[in-house]
Amino acid sequence: MQILAEYSSRIILDRTSITLKLPELEYLLLNLTTLTNKLARYKLVEADVSIYVHSAAVATAFVPPIESVFQYVQYDALCEEINSDL
């Protein structure tokens, strides 16, 4: 990574390069941090979601999740998606 000016940097990989300004780098960092946090949350509840998918696959209507299940997963949308693919 090269610093071109006080507020921009150039990233070079092989023969391809990209120049980013400070606000663009901050935006990317914020998004990467957000995505990292979301992925970590989903990995924590992977087993619970797997169990839910198995129970929702045989149901004909929305199956409410158990109380201890992760609150950030949109189970109603997940149930719709599972039942629409079957």
PDB file of N, CA and C in Angstrom:
ATOM      1  N   MET A   1       0.843  -1.168   0.000  1.00  0.00           N
ATOM      2  CA  MET A   1       0.000   0.000   0.000  1.00  0.00           C
ATOM      3  C   MET A   1       0.886   1.228   0.000  1.00  0.00           C
ATOM      4  N   GLN A   2       0.592   2.153  -0.889  1.00  0.00           N
ATOM      5  CA  GLN A   2       1.328   3.402  -0.978  1.00  0.00           C
ATOM      6  C   GLN A   2       0.458   4.544  -0.477  1.00  0.00           C
ATOM      7  N   ILE A   3       1.076   5.459   0.226  1.00  0.00           N
ATOM      8  CA  ILE A   3       0.373   6.676   0.628  1.00  0.00           C
ATOM      9  C   ILE A   3       0.657   7.721  -0.445  1.00  0.00           C
ATOM     10  N   LEU A   4      -0.373   8.145  -1.188  1.00  0.00           N
ATOM     11  CA  LEU A   4      -0.180   9.104  -2.272  1.00  0.00           C
ATOM     12  C   LEU A   4      -0.233  10.542  -1.779  1.00  0.00           C
ATOM     13  N   ALA A   5      -1.157  10.801  -0.950  1.00  0.00           N
ATOM     14  CA  ALA A   5      -1.304  12.135  -0.379  1.00  0.00           C
ATOM     15  C   ALA A   5      -1.744  11.944   1.060  1.00  0.00           C
ATOM     16  N   GLU A   6      -2.003  13.019   1.726  1.00  0.00           N
ATOM     17  CA  GLU A   6      -2.383  12.926   3.129  1.00  0.00           C
ATOM     18  C   GLU A   6      -3.702  12.183   3.319  1.00  0.00           C
ATOM     19  N   TYR A   7      -4.598  12.235   2.322  1.00  0.00           N
ATOM     20  CA  TYR A   7      -5.930  11.674   2.490  1.00  0.00           C
ATOM     21  C   TYR A   7      -6.287  10.597   1.471  1.00  0.00           C
ATOM     22  N   SER A   8      -5.313   9.961   0.849  1.00  0.00           N
ATOM     23  CA  SER A   8      -5.610   8.878  -0.084  1.00  0.00           C
ATOM     24  C   SER A   8      -4.498   7.836  -0.042  1.00  0.00           C
ATOM     25  N   SER A   9      -4.816   6.658  -0.522  1.00  0.00           N
ATOM     26  CA  SER A   9      -3.809   5.599  -0.595  1.00  0.00           C
ATOM     27  C   SER A   9      -4.055   4.765  -1.840  1.00  0.00           C
ATOM     28  N   ARG A  10      -3.015   4.126  -2.315  1.00  0.00           N
ATOM     29  CA  ARG A  10      -3.123   3.271  -3.488  1.00  0.00           C
ATOM     30  C   ARG A  10      -2.810   1.843  -3.059  1.00  0.00           C
ATOM     31  N   ILE A  11      -3.687   0.946  -3.433  1.00  0.00           N
ATOM     32  CA  ILE A  11      -3.495  -0.474  -3.150  1.00  0.00           C
ATOM     33  C   ILE A  11      -3.152  -1.146  -4.469  1.00  0.00           C
ATOM     34  N   ILE A  12      -2.041  -1.875  -4.497  1.00  0.00           N
ATOM     35  CA  ILE A  12      -1.570  -2.504  -5.721  1.00  0.00           C
ATOM     36  C   ILE A  12      -1.475  -4.012  -5.509  1.00  0.00           C
ATOM     37  N   LEU A  13      -2.086  -4.759  -6.427  1.00  0.00           N
ATOM     38  CA  LEU A  13      -2.005  -6.210  -6.425  1.00  0.00           C
ATOM     39  C   LEU A  13      -1.655  -6.640  -7.839  1.00  0.00           C
ATOM     40  N   ASP A  14      -0.487  -7.253  -7.999  1.00  0.00           N
ATOM     41  CA  ASP A  14       0.052  -7.593  -9.318  1.00  0.00           C
ATOM     42  C   ASP A  14       0.130  -6.320 -10.157  1.00  0.00           C
ATOM     43  N   ARG A  15      -0.606  -6.277 -11.266  1.00  0.00           N
ATOM     44  CA  ARG A  15      -0.572  -5.086 -12.129  1.00  0.00           C
ATOM     45  C   ARG A  15      -1.830  -4.230 -11.987  1.00  0.00           C
ATOM     46  N   THR A  16      -2.657  -4.553 -11.047  1.00  0.00           N
ATOM     47  CA  THR A  16      -3.895  -3.816 -10.830  1.00  0.00           C
ATOM     48  C   THR A  16      -3.743  -2.935  -9.602  1.00  0.00           C
ATOM     49  N   SER A  17      -4.201  -1.713  -9.722  1.00  0.00           N
ATOM     50  CA  SER A  17      -4.133  -0.815  -8.574  1.00  0.00           C
ATOM     51  C   SER A  17      -5.443  -0.050  -8.435  1.00  0.00           C
ATOM     52  N   ILE A  18      -5.685   0.397  -7.232  1.00  0.00           N
ATOM     53  CA  ILE A  18      -6.869   1.197  -6.946  1.00  0.00           C
ATOM     54  C   ILE A  18      -6.456   2.277  -5.955  1.00  0.00           C
ATOM     55  N   THR A  19      -6.963   3.482  -6.179  1.00  0.00           N
ATOM     56  CA  THR A  19      -6.681   4.592  -5.285  1.00  0.00           C
ATOM     57  C   THR A  19      -7.944   4.919  -4.514  1.00  0.00           C
ATOM     58  N   LEU A  20      -7.817   4.977  -3.205  1.00  0.00           N
ATOM     59  CA  LEU A  20      -8.961   5.263  -2.342  1.00  0.00           C
ATOM     60  C   LEU A  20      -8.674   6.492  -1.495  1.00  0.00           C
ATOM     61  N   LYS A  21      -9.704   7.307  -1.334  1.00  0.00           N
ATOM     62  CA  LYS A  21      -9.594   8.470  -0.455  1.00  0.00           C
ATOM     63  C   LYS A  21      -9.969   8.045   0.953  1.00  0.00           C
ATOM     64  N   LEU A  22      -9.603   8.859   1.923  1.00  0.00           N
ATOM     65  CA  LEU A  22      -9.842   8.545   3.322  1.00  0.00           C
ATOM     66  C   LEU A  22     -11.310   8.236   3.624  1.00  0.00           C
ATOM     67  N   PRO A  23     -12.290   9.021   3.163  1.00  0.00           N
ATOM     68  CA  PRO A  23     -13.688   8.678   3.447  1.00  0.00           C
ATOM     69  C   PRO A  23     -14.096   7.316   2.867  1.00  0.00           C
ATOM     70  N   GLU A  24     -13.540   6.961   1.711  1.00  0.00           N
ATOM     71  CA  GLU A  24     -13.840   5.660   1.115  1.00  0.00           C
ATOM     72  C   GLU A  24     -13.256   4.532   1.959  1.00  0.00           C
ATOM     73  N   LEU A  25     -12.044   4.725   2.453  1.00  0.00           N
ATOM     74  CA  LEU A  25     -11.425   3.728   3.327  1.00  0.00           C
ATOM     75  C   LEU A  25     -12.204   3.575   4.629  1.00  0.00           C
ATOM     76  N   GLU A  26     -12.658   4.685   5.190  1.00  0.00           N
ATOM     77  CA  GLU A  26     -13.453   4.629   6.416  1.00  0.00           C
ATOM     78  C   GLU A  26     -14.761   3.892   6.182  1.00  0.00           C
ATOM     79  N   TYR A  27     -15.402   4.142   5.043  1.00  0.00           N
ATOM     80  CA  TYR A  27     -16.646   3.468   4.683  1.00  0.00           C
ATOM     81  C   TYR A  27     -16.428   1.957   4.554  1.00  0.00           C
ATOM     82  N   LEU A  28     -15.371   1.573   3.866  1.00  0.00           N
ATOM     83  CA  LEU A  28     -15.060   0.151   3.706  1.00  0.00           C
ATOM     84  C   LEU A  28     -14.751  -0.505   5.050  1.00  0.00           C
ATOM     85  N   LEU A  29     -14.013   0.174   5.891  1.00  0.00           N
ATOM     86  CA  LEU A  29     -13.682  -0.364   7.206  1.00  0.00           C
ATOM     87  C   LEU A  29     -14.936  -0.563   8.046  1.00  0.00           C
ATOM     88  N   LEU A  30     -15.832   0.409   8.012  1.00  0.00           N
ATOM     89  CA  LEU A  30     -17.089   0.295   8.750  1.00  0.00           C
ATOM     90  C   LEU A  30     -17.903  -0.894   8.251  1.00  0.00           C
ATOM     91  N   ASN A  31     -18.007  -1.043   6.929  1.00  0.00           N
ATOM     92  CA  ASN A  31     -18.769  -2.158   6.369  1.00  0.00           C
ATOM     93  C   ASN A  31     -18.122  -3.501   6.674  1.00  0.00           C
ATOM     94  N   LEU A  32     -16.813  -3.580   6.594  1.00  0.00           N
ATOM     95  CA  LEU A  32     -16.132  -4.833   6.910  1.00  0.00           C
ATOM     96  C   LEU A  32     -16.305  -5.203   8.377  1.00  0.00           C
ATOM     97  N   THR A  33     -16.256  -4.204   9.249  1.00  0.00           N
ATOM     98  CA  THR A  33     -16.469  -4.451  10.677  1.00  0.00           C
ATOM     99  C   THR A  33     -17.891  -4.944  10.920  1.00  0.00           C
ATOM    100  N   THR A  34     -18.864  -4.317  10.275  1.00  0.00           N
ATOM    101  CA  THR A  34     -20.266  -4.720  10.420  1.00  0.00           C
ATOM    102  C   THR A  34     -20.467  -6.141   9.920  1.00  0.00           C
ATOM    103  N   LEU A  35     -19.923  -6.453   8.761  1.00  0.00           N
ATOM    104  CA  LEU A  35     -20.061  -7.804   8.212  1.00  0.00           C
ATOM    105  C   LEU A  35     -19.366  -8.849   9.078  1.00  0.00           C
ATOM    106  N   THR A  36     -18.223  -8.494   9.627  1.00  0.00           N
ATOM    107  CA  THR A  36     -17.507  -9.409  10.516  1.00  0.00           C
ATOM    108  C   THR A  36     -18.339  -9.715  11.752  1.00  0.00           C
ATOM    109  N   ASN A  37     -18.958  -8.689  12.319  1.00  0.00           N
ATOM    110  CA  ASN A  37     -19.809  -8.887  13.495  1.00  0.00           C
ATOM    111  C   ASN A  37     -21.027  -9.743  13.173  1.00  0.00           C
ATOM    112  N   LYS A  38     -21.665  -9.499  12.016  1.00  0.00           N
ATOM    113  CA  LYS A  38     -22.825 -10.303  11.620  1.00  0.00           C
ATOM    114  C   LYS A  38     -22.433 -11.767  11.426  1.00  0.00           C
ATOM    115  N   LEU A  39     -21.314 -11.987  10.762  1.00  0.00           N
ATOM    116  CA  LEU A  39     -20.854 -13.355  10.534  1.00  0.00           C
ATOM    117  C   LEU A  39     -20.560 -14.055  11.849  1.00  0.00           C
ATOM    118  N   ALA A  40     -19.937 -13.359  12.780  1.00  0.00           N
ATOM    119  CA  ALA A  40     -19.650 -13.950  14.095  1.00  0.00           C
ATOM    120  C   ALA A  40     -20.937 -14.316  14.821  1.00  0.00           C
ATOM    121  N   ARG A  41     -21.969 -13.448  14.736  1.00  0.00           N
ATOM    122  CA  ARG A  41     -23.261 -13.757  15.365  1.00  0.00           C
ATOM    123  C   ARG A  41     -23.894 -14.997  14.755  1.00  0.00           C
ATOM    124  N   TYR A  42     -23.895 -15.067  13.430  1.00  0.00           N
ATOM    125  CA  TYR A  42     -24.506 -16.213  12.769  1.00  0.00           C
ATOM    126  C   TYR A  42     -23.758 -17.515  13.045  1.00  0.00           C
ATOM    127  N   LYS A  43     -22.446 -17.434  13.167  1.00  0.00           N
ATOM    128  CA  LYS A  43     -21.684 -18.640  13.492  1.00  0.00           C
ATOM    129  C   LYS A  43     -22.010 -19.151  14.890  1.00  0.00           C
ATOM    130  N   LEU A  44     -22.338 -18.227  15.796  1.00  0.00           N
ATOM    131  CA  LEU A  44     -22.705 -18.624  17.156  1.00  0.00           C
ATOM    132  C   LEU A  44     -23.997 -19.439  17.187  1.00  0.00           C
ATOM    133  N   VAL A  45     -24.907 -19.161  16.275  1.00  0.00           N
ATOM    134  CA  VAL A  45     -26.216 -19.820  16.314  1.00  0.00           C
ATOM    135  C   VAL A  45     -26.432 -20.787  15.155  1.00  0.00           C
ATOM    136  N   GLU A  46     -25.372 -21.171  14.517  1.00  0.00           N
ATOM    137  CA  GLU A  46     -25.485 -22.052  13.350  1.00  0.00           C
ATOM    138  C   GLU A  46     -26.246 -23.336  13.676  1.00  0.00           C
ATOM    139  N   ALA A  47     -25.974 -23.941  14.810  1.00  0.00           N
ATOM    140  CA  ALA A  47     -26.649 -25.190  15.183  1.00  0.00           C
ATOM    141  C   ALA A  47     -28.136 -24.948  15.437  1.00  0.00           C
ATOM    142  N   ASP A  48     -28.476 -23.848  16.130  1.00  0.00           N
ATOM    143  CA  ASP A  48     -29.884 -23.536  16.386  1.00  0.00           C
ATOM    144  C   ASP A  48     -30.649 -23.304  15.089  1.00  0.00           C
ATOM    145  N   VAL A  49     -30.040 -22.592  14.156  1.00  0.00           N
ATOM    146  CA  VAL A  49     -30.693 -22.325  12.880  1.00  0.00           C
ATOM    147  C   VAL A  49     -30.860 -23.625  12.098  1.00  0.00           C
ATOM    148  N   SER A  50     -29.883 -24.485  12.149  1.00  0.00           N
ATOM    149  CA  SER A  50     -29.980 -25.778  11.468  1.00  0.00           C
ATOM    150  C   SER A  50     -31.149 -26.597  12.005  1.00  0.00           C
ATOM    151  N   ILE A  51     -31.303 -26.623  13.318  1.00  0.00           N
ATOM    152  CA  ILE A  51     -32.428 -27.340  13.933  1.00  0.00           C
ATOM    153  C   ILE A  51     -33.744 -26.700  13.506  1.00  0.00           C
ATOM    154  N   TYR A  52     -33.781 -25.367  13.473  1.00  0.00           N
ATOM    155  CA  TYR A  52     -34.997 -24.669  13.069  1.00  0.00           C
ATOM    156  C   TYR A  52     -35.353 -24.990  11.621  1.00  0.00           C
ATOM    157  N   VAL A  53     -34.372 -25.021  10.745  1.00  0.00           N
ATOM    158  CA  VAL A  53     -34.619 -25.316   9.330  1.00  0.00           C
ATOM    159  C   VAL A  53     -35.238 -26.701   9.179  1.00  0.00           C
ATOM    160  N   HIS A  54     -34.747 -27.669   9.927  1.00  0.00           N
ATOM    161  CA  HIS A  54     -35.306 -29.023   9.843  1.00  0.00           C
ATOM    162  C   HIS A  54     -36.765 -29.049  10.304  1.00  0.00           C
ATOM    163  N   SER A  55     -37.092 -28.324  11.356  1.00  0.00           N
ATOM    164  CA  SER A  55     -38.479 -28.319  11.835  1.00  0.00           C
ATOM    165  C   SER A  55     -39.378 -27.493  10.920  1.00  0.00           C
ATOM    166  N   ALA A  56     -38.872 -26.409  10.340  1.00  0.00           N
ATOM    167  CA  ALA A  56     -39.679 -25.574   9.458  1.00  0.00           C
ATOM    168  C   ALA A  56     -39.905 -26.231   8.103  1.00  0.00           C
ATOM    169  N   ALA A  57     -39.013 -27.109   7.693  1.00  0.00           N
ATOM    170  CA  ALA A  57     -39.139 -27.758   6.387  1.00  0.00           C
ATOM    171  C   ALA A  57     -40.355 -28.668   6.319  1.00  0.00           C
ATOM    172  N   VAL A  58     -40.745 -29.251   7.434  1.00  0.00           N
ATOM    173  CA  VAL A  58     -41.908 -30.156   7.436  1.00  0.00           C
ATOM    174  C   VAL A  58     -43.191 -29.441   7.841  1.00  0.00           C
ATOM    175  N   ALA A  59     -43.103 -28.159   8.202  1.00  0.00           N
ATOM    176  CA  ALA A  59     -44.282 -27.401   8.637  1.00  0.00           C
ATOM    177  C   ALA A  59     -44.972 -26.757   7.436  1.00  0.00           C
ATOM    178  N   THR A  60     -46.269 -26.531   7.587  1.00  0.00           N
ATOM    179  CA  THR A  60     -47.022 -25.860   6.521  1.00  0.00           C
ATOM    180  C   THR A  60     -47.237 -24.379   6.825  1.00  0.00           C
ATOM    181  N   ALA A  61     -47.018 -23.963   8.051  1.00  0.00           N
ATOM    182  CA  ALA A  61     -47.167 -22.564   8.455  1.00  0.00           C
ATOM    183  C   ALA A  61     -45.931 -22.150   9.246  1.00  0.00           C
ATOM    184  N   PHE A  62     -45.882 -20.882   9.615  1.00  0.00           N
ATOM    185  CA  PHE A  62     -44.744 -20.361  10.358  1.00  0.00           C
ATOM    186  C   PHE A  62     -44.588 -21.097  11.680  1.00  0.00           C
ATOM    187  N   VAL A  63     -43.366 -21.536  11.934  1.00  0.00           N
ATOM    188  CA  VAL A  63     -43.037 -22.223  13.184  1.00  0.00           C
ATOM    189  C   VAL A  63     -42.266 -21.227  14.044  1.00  0.00           C
ATOM    190  N   PRO A  64     -42.822 -20.806  15.179  1.00  0.00           N
ATOM    191  CA  PRO A  64     -42.071 -19.869  16.014  1.00  0.00           C
ATOM    192  C   PRO A  64     -40.857 -20.556  16.642  1.00  0.00           C
ATOM    193  N   PRO A  65     -39.727 -19.869  16.682  1.00  0.00           N
ATOM    194  CA  PRO A  65     -38.525 -20.476  17.272  1.00  0.00           C
ATOM    195  C   PRO A  65     -38.637 -20.534  18.791  1.00  0.00           C
ATOM    196  N   ILE A  66     -37.807 -21.375  19.384  1.00  0.00           N
ATOM    197  CA  ILE A  66     -37.780 -21.442  20.843  1.00  0.00           C
ATOM    198  C   ILE A  66     -37.200 -20.137  21.394  1.00  0.00           C
ATOM    199  N   GLU A  67     -37.464 -19.826  22.641  1.00  0.00           N
ATOM    200  CA  GLU A  67     -37.069 -18.538  23.218  1.00  0.00           C
ATOM    201  C   GLU A  67     -35.568 -18.309  23.248  1.00  0.00           C
ATOM    202  N   SER A  68     -34.801 -19.357  23.414  1.00  0.00           N
ATOM    203  CA  SER A  68     -33.358 -19.183  23.559  1.00  0.00           C
ATOM    204  C   SER A  68     -32.636 -18.935  22.246  1.00  0.00           C
ATOM    205  N   VAL A  69     -33.379 -18.938  21.157  1.00  0.00           N
ATOM    206  CA  VAL A  69     -32.759 -18.794  19.845  1.00  0.00           C
ATOM    207  C   VAL A  69     -32.351 -17.341  19.611  1.00  0.00           C
ATOM    208  N   PHE A  70     -31.346 -17.178  18.823  1.00  0.00           N
ATOM    209  CA  PHE A  70     -30.734 -15.888  18.508  1.00  0.00           C
ATOM    210  C   PHE A  70     -31.763 -14.894  17.979  1.00  0.00           C
ATOM    211  N   GLN A  71     -31.754 -13.680  18.489  1.00  0.00           N
ATOM    212  CA  GLN A  71     -32.767 -12.686  18.158  1.00  0.00           C
ATOM    213  C   GLN A  71     -32.542 -11.969  16.828  1.00  0.00           C
ATOM    214  N   TYR A  72     -31.351 -12.047  16.243  1.00  0.00           N
ATOM    215  CA  TYR A  72     -31.075 -11.312  15.016  1.00  0.00           C
ATOM    216  C   TYR A  72     -31.460 -12.064  13.751  1.00  0.00           C
ATOM    217  N   VAL A  73     -31.809 -13.312  13.845  1.00  0.00           N
ATOM    218  CA  VAL A  73     -32.213 -14.091  12.679  1.00  0.00           C
ATOM    219  C   VAL A  73     -33.684 -13.811  12.411  1.00  0.00           C
ATOM    220  N   GLN A  74     -34.025 -13.535  11.182  1.00  0.00           N
ATOM    221  CA  GLN A  74     -35.412 -13.277  10.800  1.00  0.00           C
ATOM    222  C   GLN A  74     -36.076 -14.614  10.474  1.00  0.00           C
ATOM    223  N   TYR A  75     -36.592 -15.241  11.510  1.00  0.00           N
ATOM    224  CA  TYR A  75     -37.134 -16.586  11.350  1.00  0.00           C
ATOM    225  C   TYR A  75     -38.383 -16.627  10.484  1.00  0.00           C
ATOM    226  N   ASP A  76     -39.194 -15.573  10.500  1.00  0.00           N
ATOM    227  CA  ASP A  76     -40.378 -15.573   9.649  1.00  0.00           C
ATOM    228  C   ASP A  76     -39.998 -15.568   8.171  1.00  0.00           C
ATOM    229  N   ALA A  77     -39.010 -14.757   7.798  1.00  0.00           N
ATOM    230  CA  ALA A  77     -38.535 -14.740   6.421  1.00  0.00           C
ATOM    231  C   ALA A  77     -37.841 -16.055   6.061  1.00  0.00           C
ATOM    232  N   LEU A  78     -37.107 -16.609   7.003  1.00  0.00           N
ATOM    233  CA  LEU A  78     -36.432 -17.888   6.769  1.00  0.00           C
ATOM    234  C   LEU A  78     -37.452 -18.991   6.532  1.00  0.00           C
ATOM    235  N   CYS A  79     -38.508 -19.015   7.328  1.00  0.00           N
ATOM    236  CA  CYS A  79     -39.555 -20.029   7.180  1.00  0.00           C
ATOM    237  C   CYS A  79     -40.247 -19.889   5.831  1.00  0.00           C
ATOM    238  N   GLU A  80     -40.551 -18.668   5.408  1.00  0.00           N
ATOM    239  CA  GLU A  80     -41.155 -18.439   4.094  1.00  0.00           C
ATOM    240  C   GLU A  80     -40.258 -18.947   2.982  1.00  0.00           C
ATOM    241  N   GLU A  81     -38.988 -18.644   3.090  1.00  0.00           N
ATOM    242  CA  GLU A  81     -38.022 -19.070   2.060  1.00  0.00           C
ATOM    243  C   GLU A  81     -37.926 -20.595   1.993  1.00  0.00           C
ATOM    244  N   ILE A  82     -37.900 -21.236   3.137  1.00  0.00           N
ATOM    245  CA  ILE A  82     -37.813 -22.700   3.165  1.00  0.00           C
ATOM    246  C   ILE A  82     -39.049 -23.309   2.525  1.00  0.00           C
ATOM    247  N   ASN A  83     -40.217 -22.827   2.893  1.00  0.00           N
ATOM    248  CA  ASN A  83     -41.462 -23.395   2.375  1.00  0.00           C
ATOM    249  C   ASN A  83     -41.701 -23.061   0.919  1.00  0.00           C
ATOM    250  N   SER A  84     -41.168 -21.949   0.413  1.00  0.00           N
ATOM    251  CA  SER A  84     -41.353 -21.600  -0.996  1.00  0.00           C
ATOM    252  C   SER A  84     -40.484 -22.468  -1.901  1.00  0.00           C
ATOM    253  N   ASP A  85     -39.362 -22.954  -1.384  1.00  0.00           N
ATOM    254  CA  ASP A  85     -38.474 -23.783  -2.196  1.00  0.00           C
ATOM    255  C   ASP A  85     -38.920 -25.231  -2.261  1.00  0.00           C
ATOM    256  N   LEU A  86     -39.787 -25.640  -1.366  1.00  0.00           N
ATOM    257  CA  LEU A  86     -40.206 -27.048  -1.330  1.00  0.00           C
ATOM    258  C   LEU A  86     -41.275 -27.361  -2.295  1.00  0.00           C
TER     259      LEU A  86
END
